[in-house]
Amino acid sequence: MSELPILEQHLAAAVPASRQQRAWTPEDGALPSLYISHGAPPLLEDGPWMRELSDWALELPKPRAILIVSAHWESAPLAVSATPAKTPLVYDFGGFKPVFYTLQYETPDALALAQRVAAVMPDTEPLHEHRSRGLDHGAWVPLMVMYPLGDVPVLQLSLPTHDPDRLLELGRRLRPLRQEGVLIIGSGFMTHGLPFLKREHWSGGGTTPGWSSDFDAWAADALAKGDVDTLSRFASQAPGMPFAHPTVEHYTPLFVTLGAADRPDAPVKSVIEGYFMGLSKRSLQTV
């Protein structure tokens, strides 16, 4: 019997669908930029959530490459992950089933993408390659679900700051890559107050803590209005703080996503909503 039967069932349907997915062409124009609440390894045991992510990916043409900024790699100066094909993954989590530490997600060489990312960076901010670092779970967990064949080159970009203005500018510099078929993803979690979760939030059907639902409603309203200024003032103005984000690295990748949009202040489309263990899994794409 499979140790991850729900993942196996998902892949049985998702792999053939991914093989049939139409590849991006220049006639498609720019791909959107995404913000994904990426989940922890147990996402791979959540059939409905995996279907939401898979259906979302299939609604888009398959990208030529993926550039992802994960909450789990905070590093300055700006750096990219190793570019060779089949670079080993980073299992940056603890306390889960042993099988999660054996999962593989082998992707093609990403050197060409790294060169394009370096080309859009200013000369005063050279891009460093971390030659031994593979994708962390903020990247490979959702991408394994969305692109199960592992046939798209993936490069991870470090999160160099939490300053919204600087991250918006980083996204702006990356914006031209969307016209080349590169899918730009900010990977975090719309609420991430892990220290404040209680058993009633994650056992059984679970309940949602008020700090999580209040923050999510605030963010959803600001996103629907394209109100980047309000979103930037989350630390001092958002309800549910600091419980929703006792540390902010799962929220701030959102600003790379918004900066990469044609208009950062345009309303965005929430594609996935709801809660996982009391945390908002709101995920969105720019339009």
C-alpha atoms as a PDB file:
ATOM      1  CA  MET A   1       0.000   0.000   0.000  1.00  0.00           C
ATOM      2  CA  SER A   2       1.254   3.481  -0.841  1.00  0.00           C
ATOM      3  CA  GLU A   3       2.391   5.620   2.085  1.00  0.00           C
ATOM      4  CA  LEU A   4       0.755   8.641   0.414  1.00  0.00           C
ATOM      5  CA  PRO A   5      -2.357   7.190  -1.248  1.00  0.00           C
ATOM      6  CA  ILE A   6      -4.104  10.557  -1.746  1.00  0.00           C
ATOM      7  CA  LEU A   7      -1.055  11.975  -3.526  1.00  0.00           C
ATOM      8  CA  GLU A   8      -0.855   8.842  -5.647  1.00  0.00           C
ATOM      9  CA  GLN A   9      -4.514   9.178  -6.600  1.00  0.00           C
ATOM     10  CA  HIS A  10      -4.001  12.833  -7.459  1.00  0.00           C
ATOM     11  CA  LEU A  11      -0.987  12.106  -9.661  1.00  0.00           C
ATOM     12  CA  ALA A  12      -2.856   9.357 -11.500  1.00  0.00           C
ATOM     13  CA  ALA A  13      -5.132  12.052 -12.912  1.00  0.00           C
ATOM     14  CA  ALA A  14      -2.772  15.038 -12.868  1.00  0.00           C
ATOM     15  CA  VAL A  15       0.121  13.500 -14.807  1.00  0.00           C
ATOM     16  CA  PRO A  16      -1.901  12.690 -17.965  1.00  0.00           C
ATOM     17  CA  ALA A  17      -3.528  16.128 -17.816  1.00  0.00           C
ATOM     18  CA  SER A  18      -0.137  17.797 -17.543  1.00  0.00           C
ATOM     19  CA  ARG A  19       1.107  15.854 -20.564  1.00  0.00           C
ATOM     20  CA  GLN A  20      -1.781  17.267 -22.580  1.00  0.00           C
ATOM     21  CA  GLN A  21      -1.346  20.840 -21.319  1.00  0.00           C
ATOM     22  CA  ARG A  22      -0.719  23.359 -24.049  1.00  0.00           C
ATOM     23  CA  ALA A  23       2.702  24.998 -23.905  1.00  0.00           C
ATOM     24  CA  TRP A  24       3.013  28.780 -23.706  1.00  0.00           C
ATOM     25  CA  THR A  25       3.749  30.593 -26.970  1.00  0.00           C
ATOM     26  CA  PRO A  26       4.526  34.284 -27.572  1.00  0.00           C
ATOM     27  CA  GLU A  27       1.017  34.681 -28.996  1.00  0.00           C
ATOM     28  CA  ASP A  28      -0.327  34.080 -25.463  1.00  0.00           C
ATOM     29  CA  GLY A  29       1.267  37.281 -24.222  1.00  0.00           C
ATOM     30  CA  ALA A  30       2.515  37.733 -20.678  1.00  0.00           C
ATOM     31  CA  LEU A  31       1.755  35.110 -18.084  1.00  0.00           C
ATOM     32  CA  PRO A  32       0.229  36.382 -14.831  1.00  0.00           C
ATOM     33  CA  SER A  33       2.253  36.499 -11.650  1.00  0.00           C
ATOM     34  CA  LEU A  34       0.989  34.353  -8.764  1.00  0.00           C
ATOM     35  CA  TYR A  35       0.994  34.340  -4.983  1.00  0.00           C
ATOM     36  CA  ILE A  36       0.556  30.847  -3.565  1.00  0.00           C
ATOM     37  CA  SER A  37      -0.133  29.798  -0.012  1.00  0.00           C
ATOM     38  CA  HIS A  38       2.150  26.833  -0.353  1.00  0.00           C
ATOM     39  CA  GLY A  39       1.252  24.594   2.546  1.00  0.00           C
ATOM     40  CA  ALA A  40       3.528  22.196   4.362  1.00  0.00           C
ATOM     41  CA  PRO A  41       4.139  18.583   3.274  1.00  0.00           C
ATOM     42  CA  PRO A  42       0.626  17.562   4.497  1.00  0.00           C
ATOM     43  CA  LEU A  43      -0.765  19.490   1.504  1.00  0.00           C
ATOM     44  CA  LEU A  44       0.202  16.317  -0.353  1.00  0.00           C
ATOM     45  CA  GLU A  45      -2.474  14.486   1.646  1.00  0.00           C
ATOM     46  CA  ASP A  46      -5.209  17.058   0.965  1.00  0.00           C
ATOM     47  CA  GLY A  47      -7.041  15.938  -2.170  1.00  0.00           C
ATOM     48  CA  PRO A  48      -9.340  18.969  -2.607  1.00  0.00           C
ATOM     49  CA  TRP A  49      -6.499  21.468  -2.173  1.00  0.00           C
ATOM     50  CA  MET A  50      -4.303  19.589  -4.633  1.00  0.00           C
ATOM     51  CA  ARG A  51      -7.137  19.625  -7.172  1.00  0.00           C
ATOM     52  CA  GLU A  52      -7.488  23.390  -6.749  1.00  0.00           C
ATOM     53  CA  LEU A  53      -3.791  23.914  -7.433  1.00  0.00           C
ATOM     54  CA  SER A  54      -3.753  21.483 -10.338  1.00  0.00           C
ATOM     55  CA  ASP A  55      -6.854  22.971 -11.971  1.00  0.00           C
ATOM     56  CA  TRP A  56      -5.329  26.441 -11.601  1.00  0.00           C
ATOM     57  CA  ALA A  57      -2.131  25.391 -13.355  1.00  0.00           C
ATOM     58  CA  LEU A  58      -4.090  23.753 -16.163  1.00  0.00           C
ATOM     59  CA  GLU A  59      -6.070  26.945 -16.788  1.00  0.00           C
ATOM     60  CA  LEU A  60      -2.809  28.592 -17.863  1.00  0.00           C
ATOM     61  CA  PRO A  61      -0.533  27.553 -20.713  1.00  0.00           C
ATOM     62  CA  LYS A  62       2.412  25.563 -19.417  1.00  0.00           C
ATOM     63  CA  PRO A  63       5.221  28.072 -18.779  1.00  0.00           C
ATOM     64  CA  ARG A  64       8.635  27.902 -20.391  1.00  0.00           C
ATOM     65  CA  ALA A  65      10.195  28.328 -16.942  1.00  0.00           C
ATOM     66  CA  ILE A  66       9.234  29.175 -13.355  1.00  0.00           C
ATOM     67  CA  LEU A  67      10.878  31.713 -11.047  1.00  0.00           C
ATOM     68  CA  ILE A  68       9.708  31.338  -7.452  1.00  0.00           C
ATOM     69  CA  VAL A  69      10.413  33.386  -4.323  1.00  0.00           C
ATOM     70  CA  SER A  70       9.774  31.305  -1.203  1.00  0.00           C
ATOM     71  CA  ALA A  71       9.267  32.371   2.398  1.00  0.00           C
ATOM     72  CA  HIS A  72      11.794  29.723   3.344  1.00  0.00           C
ATOM     73  CA  TRP A  73      14.865  31.325   1.810  1.00  0.00           C
ATOM     74  CA  GLU A  74      15.591  34.706   3.338  1.00  0.00           C
ATOM     75  CA  SER A  75      18.968  35.774   2.035  1.00  0.00           C
ATOM     76  CA  ALA A  76      20.721  38.964   1.028  1.00  0.00           C
ATOM     77  CA  PRO A  77      22.414  39.835  -1.220  1.00  0.00           C
ATOM     78  CA  LEU A  78      20.000  38.466  -3.776  1.00  0.00           C
ATOM     79  CA  ALA A  79      20.769  34.900  -4.831  1.00  0.00           C
ATOM     80  CA  VAL A  80      19.370  32.121  -6.977  1.00  0.00           C
ATOM     81  CA  SER A  81      19.328  28.415  -6.338  1.00  0.00           C
ATOM     82  CA  ALA A  82      21.564  25.932  -8.124  1.00  0.00           C
ATOM     83  CA  THR A  83      20.830  25.758 -11.843  1.00  0.00           C
ATOM     84  CA  PRO A  84      21.821  22.175 -12.868  1.00  0.00           C
ATOM     85  CA  ALA A  85      19.102  19.674 -13.668  1.00  0.00           C
ATOM     86  CA  LYS A  86      18.020  17.312 -10.880  1.00  0.00           C
ATOM     87  CA  THR A  87      19.606  19.350  -8.085  1.00  0.00           C
ATOM     88  CA  PRO A  88      18.597  17.609  -4.797  1.00  0.00           C
ATOM     89  CA  LEU A  89      15.722  19.146  -2.870  1.00  0.00           C
ATOM     90  CA  VAL A  90      15.918  20.875   0.506  1.00  0.00           C
ATOM     91  CA  TYR A  91      13.827  19.123   3.186  1.00  0.00           C
ATOM     92  CA  ASP A  92      13.517  22.157   5.420  1.00  0.00           C
ATOM     93  CA  PHE A  93      10.891  20.874   7.845  1.00  0.00           C
ATOM     94  CA  GLY A  94      10.631  18.570  10.820  1.00  0.00           C
ATOM     95  CA  GLY A  95       8.198  16.279  12.598  1.00  0.00           C
ATOM     96  CA  PHE A  96       6.458  14.856   9.538  1.00  0.00           C
ATOM     97  CA  LYS A  97       6.154  11.329   8.140  1.00  0.00           C
ATOM     98  CA  PRO A  98       9.483   9.854   7.006  1.00  0.00           C
ATOM     99  CA  VAL A  99       8.111   9.418   3.483  1.00  0.00           C
ATOM    100  CA  PHE A 100       8.108  13.198   2.970  1.00  0.00           C
ATOM    101  CA  TYR A 101      11.905  13.188   3.241  1.00  0.00           C
ATOM    102  CA  THR A 102      12.170  10.753   0.325  1.00  0.00           C
ATOM    103  CA  LEU A 103      10.075  12.656  -2.207  1.00  0.00           C
ATOM    104  CA  GLN A 104      11.827  13.843  -5.346  1.00  0.00           C
ATOM    105  CA  TYR A 105      11.041  16.623  -7.811  1.00  0.00           C
ATOM    106  CA  GLU A 106      13.619  16.623 -10.571  1.00  0.00           C
ATOM    107  CA  THR A 107      13.466  19.575 -12.940  1.00  0.00           C
ATOM    108  CA  PRO A 108      15.466  20.558 -16.056  1.00  0.00           C
ATOM    109  CA  ASP A 109      18.513  22.803 -16.175  1.00  0.00           C
ATOM    110  CA  ALA A 110      17.631  26.423 -15.298  1.00  0.00           C
ATOM    111  CA  LEU A 111      20.842  28.164 -16.374  1.00  0.00           C
ATOM    112  CA  ALA A 112      19.123  30.111 -19.165  1.00  0.00           C
ATOM    113  CA  LEU A 113      16.575  31.479 -16.712  1.00  0.00           C
ATOM    114  CA  ALA A 114      19.301  32.430 -14.231  1.00  0.00           C
ATOM    115  CA  GLN A 115      21.045  34.369 -16.988  1.00  0.00           C
ATOM    116  CA  ARG A 116      17.851  36.253 -17.832  1.00  0.00           C
ATOM    117  CA  VAL A 117      17.229  37.080 -14.159  1.00  0.00           C
ATOM    118  CA  ALA A 118      20.787  38.369 -13.843  1.00  0.00           C
ATOM    119  CA  ALA A 119      20.311  40.497 -16.945  1.00  0.00           C
ATOM    120  CA  VAL A 120      17.362  42.428 -15.478  1.00  0.00           C
ATOM    121  CA  MET A 121      19.152  43.192 -12.217  1.00  0.00           C
ATOM    122  CA  PRO A 122      21.036  46.489 -11.825  1.00  0.00           C
ATOM    123  CA  ASP A 123      24.816  46.417 -12.123  1.00  0.00           C
ATOM    124  CA  THR A 124      25.035  47.574  -8.515  1.00  0.00           C
ATOM    125  CA  GLU A 125      23.197  44.454  -7.327  1.00  0.00           C
ATOM    126  CA  PRO A 126      24.920  41.427  -8.865  1.00  0.00           C
ATOM    127  CA  LEU A 127      23.071  38.129  -8.641  1.00  0.00           C
ATOM    128  CA  HIS A 128      24.764  35.302  -6.757  1.00  0.00           C
ATOM    129  CA  GLU A 129      24.248  31.600  -7.474  1.00  0.00           C
ATOM    130  CA  HIS A 130      24.022  29.346  -4.430  1.00  0.00           C
ATOM    131  CA  ARG A 131      25.466  26.322  -6.185  1.00  0.00           C
ATOM    132  CA  SER A 132      24.559  23.724  -3.572  1.00  0.00           C
ATOM    133  CA  ARG A 133      21.006  24.864  -2.792  1.00  0.00           C
ATOM    134  CA  GLY A 134      18.043  23.061  -4.275  1.00  0.00           C
ATOM    135  CA  LEU A 135      14.359  23.965  -4.080  1.00  0.00           C
ATOM    136  CA  ASP A 136      12.885  24.189  -0.580  1.00  0.00           C
ATOM    137  CA  HIS A 137       9.408  22.985   0.352  1.00  0.00           C
ATOM    138  CA  GLY A 138       7.891  26.409  -0.323  1.00  0.00           C
ATOM    139  CA  ALA A 139       8.730  25.697  -3.963  1.00  0.00           C
ATOM    140  CA  TRP A 140       8.651  21.963  -4.569  1.00  0.00           C
ATOM    141  CA  VAL A 141       5.535  21.072  -2.560  1.00  0.00           C
ATOM    142  CA  PRO A 142       3.103  23.222  -4.599  1.00  0.00           C
ATOM    143  CA  LEU A 143       4.982  22.759  -7.887  1.00  0.00           C
ATOM    144  CA  MET A 144       4.915  18.978  -7.546  1.00  0.00           C
ATOM    145  CA  VAL A 145       1.136  19.306  -7.511  1.00  0.00           C
ATOM    146  CA  MET A 146       0.837  21.939 -10.246  1.00  0.00           C
ATOM    147  CA  TYR A 147       3.478  20.590 -12.651  1.00  0.00           C
ATOM    148  CA  PRO A 148       3.846  16.931 -11.661  1.00  0.00           C
ATOM    149  CA  LEU A 149       5.978  15.930 -14.636  1.00  0.00           C
ATOM    150  CA  GLY A 150       8.825  18.149 -13.457  1.00  0.00           C
ATOM    151  CA  ASP A 151       9.283  19.180 -17.078  1.00  0.00           C
ATOM    152  CA  VAL A 152       9.546  22.939 -16.501  1.00  0.00           C
ATOM    153  CA  PRO A 153      12.861  24.544 -15.458  1.00  0.00           C
ATOM    154  CA  VAL A 154      12.494  26.018 -11.957  1.00  0.00           C
ATOM    155  CA  LEU A 155      14.737  28.590 -10.325  1.00  0.00           C
ATOM    156  CA  GLN A 156      14.327  29.846  -6.782  1.00  0.00           C
ATOM    157  CA  LEU A 157      15.126  33.454  -5.949  1.00  0.00           C
ATOM    158  CA  SER A 158      15.983  34.422  -2.387  1.00  0.00           C
ATOM    159  CA  LEU A 159      13.832  36.829  -0.379  1.00  0.00           C
ATOM    160  CA  PRO A 160      16.361  39.610   0.262  1.00  0.00           C
ATOM    161  CA  THR A 161      14.257  41.956   2.394  1.00  0.00           C
ATOM    162  CA  HIS A 162      10.807  42.388   3.934  1.00  0.00           C
ATOM    163  CA  ASP A 163      10.454  46.012   2.873  1.00  0.00           C
ATOM    164  CA  PRO A 164       7.361  46.201   0.630  1.00  0.00           C
ATOM    165  CA  ASP A 165       8.738  49.000  -1.559  1.00  0.00           C
ATOM    166  CA  ARG A 166      11.977  47.156  -2.255  1.00  0.00           C
ATOM    167  CA  LEU A 167      10.109  43.941  -3.038  1.00  0.00           C
ATOM    168  CA  LEU A 168       7.735  45.782  -5.368  1.00  0.00           C
ATOM    169  CA  GLU A 169      10.792  47.123  -7.173  1.00  0.00           C
ATOM    170  CA  LEU A 170      12.279  43.632  -7.379  1.00  0.00           C
ATOM    171  CA  GLY A 171       9.041  42.399  -8.920  1.00  0.00           C
ATOM    172  CA  ARG A 172       9.070  45.315 -11.359  1.00  0.00           C
ATOM    173  CA  ARG A 173      12.529  44.314 -12.584  1.00  0.00           C
ATOM    174  CA  LEU A 174      11.325  40.743 -13.098  1.00  0.00           C
ATOM    175  CA  ARG A 175       8.202  41.865 -14.983  1.00  0.00           C
ATOM    176  CA  PRO A 176       9.659  41.533 -18.523  1.00  0.00           C
ATOM    177  CA  LEU A 177      10.238  37.814 -17.956  1.00  0.00           C
ATOM    178  CA  ARG A 178       6.482  37.233 -17.970  1.00  0.00           C
ATOM    179  CA  GLN A 179       6.465  38.252 -21.642  1.00  0.00           C
ATOM    180  CA  GLU A 180       8.954  35.435 -22.268  1.00  0.00           C
ATOM    181  CA  GLY A 181       6.766  32.698 -20.816  1.00  0.00           C
ATOM    182  CA  VAL A 182       8.230  32.754 -17.313  1.00  0.00           C
ATOM    183  CA  LEU A 183       5.761  32.186 -14.489  1.00  0.00           C
ATOM    184  CA  ILE A 184       6.701  34.364 -11.500  1.00  0.00           C
ATOM    185  CA  ILE A 185       5.470  33.080  -8.134  1.00  0.00           C
ATOM    186  CA  GLY A 186       5.604  34.477  -4.628  1.00  0.00           C
ATOM    187  CA  SER A 187       5.207  31.538  -2.259  1.00  0.00           C
ATOM    188  CA  GLY A 188       4.107  32.065   1.332  1.00  0.00           C
ATOM    189  CA  PHE A 189       0.904  31.683   3.369  1.00  0.00           C
ATOM    190  CA  MET A 190      -1.746  34.366   3.728  1.00  0.00           C
ATOM    191  CA  THR A 191      -1.802  33.776   7.484  1.00  0.00           C
ATOM    192  CA  HIS A 192       0.903  31.884   9.325  1.00  0.00           C
ATOM    193  CA  GLY A 193       0.417  32.185  13.063  1.00  0.00           C
ATOM    194  CA  LEU A 194       1.678  28.711  13.874  1.00  0.00           C
ATOM    195  CA  PRO A 195       2.620  29.491  17.510  1.00  0.00           C
ATOM    196  CA  PHE A 196      -0.966  30.539  18.220  1.00  0.00           C
ATOM    197  CA  LEU A 197      -2.789  27.542  16.775  1.00  0.00           C
ATOM    198  CA  LYS A 198      -4.575  25.298  19.256  1.00  0.00           C
ATOM    199  CA  ARG A 199      -5.807  21.755  18.940  1.00  0.00           C
ATOM    200  CA  GLU A 200      -9.321  22.883  18.052  1.00  0.00           C
ATOM    201  CA  HIS A 201      -7.907  24.714  15.033  1.00  0.00           C
ATOM    202  CA  TRP A 202      -6.306  21.721  13.371  1.00  0.00           C
ATOM    203  CA  SER A 203      -7.941  18.565  14.687  1.00  0.00           C
ATOM    204  CA  GLY A 204     -11.004  17.075  13.004  1.00  0.00           C
ATOM    205  CA  GLY A 205     -12.905  19.639  10.981  1.00  0.00           C
ATOM    206  CA  GLY A 206     -11.074  22.413  12.777  1.00  0.00           C
ATOM    207  CA  THR A 207     -12.127  25.945  13.543  1.00  0.00           C
ATOM    208  CA  THR A 208     -10.610  29.167  12.266  1.00  0.00           C
ATOM    209  CA  PRO A 209      -9.111  31.572  14.824  1.00  0.00           C
ATOM    210  CA  GLY A 210     -10.431  35.118  14.624  1.00  0.00           C
ATOM    211  CA  TRP A 211      -7.002  36.596  14.003  1.00  0.00           C
ATOM    212  CA  SER A 212      -6.693  34.447  10.869  1.00  0.00           C
ATOM    213  CA  SER A 213     -10.134  35.158   9.412  1.00  0.00           C
ATOM    214  CA  ASP A 214      -9.898  38.873  10.248  1.00  0.00           C
ATOM    215  CA  PHE A 215      -6.515  39.258   8.547  1.00  0.00           C
ATOM    216  CA  ASP A 216      -7.683  37.265   5.527  1.00  0.00           C
ATOM    217  CA  ALA A 217     -10.816  39.401   5.102  1.00  0.00           C
ATOM    218  CA  TRP A 218      -8.717  42.567   5.371  1.00  0.00           C
ATOM    219  CA  ALA A 219      -6.243  41.312   2.778  1.00  0.00           C
ATOM    220  CA  ALA A 220      -8.984  40.110   0.428  1.00  0.00           C
ATOM    221  CA  ASP A 221     -10.639  43.533   0.510  1.00  0.00           C
ATOM    222  CA  ALA A 222      -7.393  45.403  -0.152  1.00  0.00           C
ATOM    223  CA  LEU A 223      -6.409  43.006  -2.945  1.00  0.00           C
ATOM    224  CA  ALA A 224      -9.803  43.361  -4.612  1.00  0.00           C
ATOM    225  CA  LYS A 225      -9.317  47.141  -4.601  1.00  0.00           C
ATOM    226  CA  GLY A 226      -5.677  47.026  -5.719  1.00  0.00           C
ATOM    227  CA  ASP A 227      -4.800  48.949  -2.562  1.00  0.00           C
ATOM    228  CA  VAL A 228      -1.070  48.320  -2.354  1.00  0.00           C
ATOM    229  CA  ASP A 229      -0.541  51.100   0.183  1.00  0.00           C
ATOM    230  CA  THR A 230      -2.888  49.426   2.649  1.00  0.00           C
ATOM    231  CA  LEU A 231      -1.324  46.028   2.041  1.00  0.00           C
ATOM    232  CA  SER A 232       2.097  47.567   2.705  1.00  0.00           C
ATOM    233  CA  ARG A 233       0.988  48.835   6.115  1.00  0.00           C
ATOM    234  CA  PHE A 234      -0.032  45.369   7.308  1.00  0.00           C
ATOM    235  CA  ALA A 235       2.233  45.383  10.372  1.00  0.00           C
ATOM    236  CA  SER A 236       0.543  48.397  11.930  1.00  0.00           C
ATOM    237  CA  GLN A 237      -2.940  48.368  10.405  1.00  0.00           C
ATOM    238  CA  ALA A 238      -4.061  44.822   9.640  1.00  0.00           C
ATOM    239  CA  PRO A 239      -6.472  43.195  12.098  1.00  0.00           C
ATOM    240  CA  GLY A 240      -5.155  39.988  13.592  1.00  0.00           C
ATOM    241  CA  MET A 241      -1.579  41.224  13.833  1.00  0.00           C
ATOM    242  CA  PRO A 242       0.841  40.138  15.135  1.00  0.00           C
ATOM    243  CA  PHE A 243      -0.876  36.758  15.558  1.00  0.00           C
ATOM    244  CA  ALA A 244      -1.524  36.275  11.832  1.00  0.00           C
ATOM    245  CA  HIS A 245       2.166  36.870  11.087  1.00  0.00           C
ATOM    246  CA  PRO A 246       4.416  36.777  14.169  1.00  0.00           C
ATOM    247  CA  THR A 247       7.199  36.750  11.576  1.00  0.00           C
ATOM    248  CA  VAL A 248       6.440  38.227   8.185  1.00  0.00           C
ATOM    249  CA  GLU A 249       8.298  36.071   5.659  1.00  0.00           C
ATOM    250  CA  HIS A 250       5.138  34.203   4.586  1.00  0.00           C
ATOM    251  CA  TYR A 251       3.343  37.436   3.729  1.00  0.00           C
ATOM    252  CA  THR A 252       5.987  39.589   2.069  1.00  0.00           C
ATOM    253  CA  PRO A 253       6.516  37.454  -1.100  1.00  0.00           C
ATOM    254  CA  LEU A 254       3.136  38.926  -2.060  1.00  0.00           C
ATOM    255  CA  PHE A 255       4.893  42.184  -2.955  1.00  0.00           C
ATOM    256  CA  VAL A 256       7.148  40.477  -5.509  1.00  0.00           C
ATOM    257  CA  THR A 257       3.984  39.097  -7.121  1.00  0.00           C
ATOM    258  CA  LEU A 258       2.314  42.510  -7.180  1.00  0.00           C
ATOM    259  CA  GLY A 259       5.446  44.273  -8.414  1.00  0.00           C
ATOM    260  CA  ALA A 260       5.712  41.840 -11.321  1.00  0.00           C
ATOM    261  CA  ALA A 261       2.172  42.699 -12.467  1.00  0.00           C
ATOM    262  CA  ASP A 262       1.595  45.158 -15.301  1.00  0.00           C
ATOM    263  CA  ARG A 263      -0.115  47.381 -12.743  1.00  0.00           C
ATOM    264  CA  PRO A 264       0.695  46.591  -9.103  1.00  0.00           C
ATOM    265  CA  ASP A 265      -2.336  48.630  -8.022  1.00  0.00           C
ATOM    266  CA  ALA A 266      -4.808  46.706 -10.194  1.00  0.00           C
ATOM    267  CA  PRO A 267      -7.343  44.386  -8.526  1.00  0.00           C
ATOM    268  CA  VAL A 268      -6.217  40.768  -8.336  1.00  0.00           C
ATOM    269  CA  LYS A 269      -8.116  37.512  -8.712  1.00  0.00           C
ATOM    270  CA  SER A 270      -8.268  35.206  -5.692  1.00  0.00           C
ATOM    271  CA  VAL A 271      -8.186  31.691  -7.138  1.00  0.00           C
ATOM    272  CA  ILE A 272      -8.051  29.637  -3.939  1.00  0.00           C
ATOM    273  CA  GLU A 273      -9.747  30.565  -0.684  1.00  0.00           C
ATOM    274  CA  GLY A 274     -10.514  28.822   2.591  1.00  0.00           C
ATOM    275  CA  TYR A 275      -8.432  27.565   5.491  1.00  0.00           C
ATOM    276  CA  PHE A 276      -6.006  24.775   6.304  1.00  0.00           C
ATOM    277  CA  MET A 277      -5.475  24.016   9.989  1.00  0.00           C
ATOM    278  CA  GLY A 278      -6.893  27.471  10.768  1.00  0.00           C
ATOM    279  CA  LEU A 279      -4.563  29.283   8.346  1.00  0.00           C
ATOM    280  CA  SER A 280      -5.757  31.171   5.260  1.00  0.00           C
ATOM    281  CA  LYS A 281      -4.692  29.440   2.070  1.00  0.00           C
ATOM    282  CA  ARG A 282      -5.778  32.391  -0.104  1.00  0.00           C
ATOM    283  CA  SER A 283      -3.844  32.272  -3.370  1.00  0.00           C
ATOM    284  CA  LEU A 284      -4.145  34.693  -6.240  1.00  0.00           C
ATOM    285  CA  GLN A 285      -3.041  35.806  -9.675  1.00  0.00           C
ATOM    286  CA  THR A 286      -2.595  39.253 -11.109  1.00  0.00           C
ATOM    287  CA  VAL A 287      -4.860  40.260 -13.984  1.00  0.00           C
END
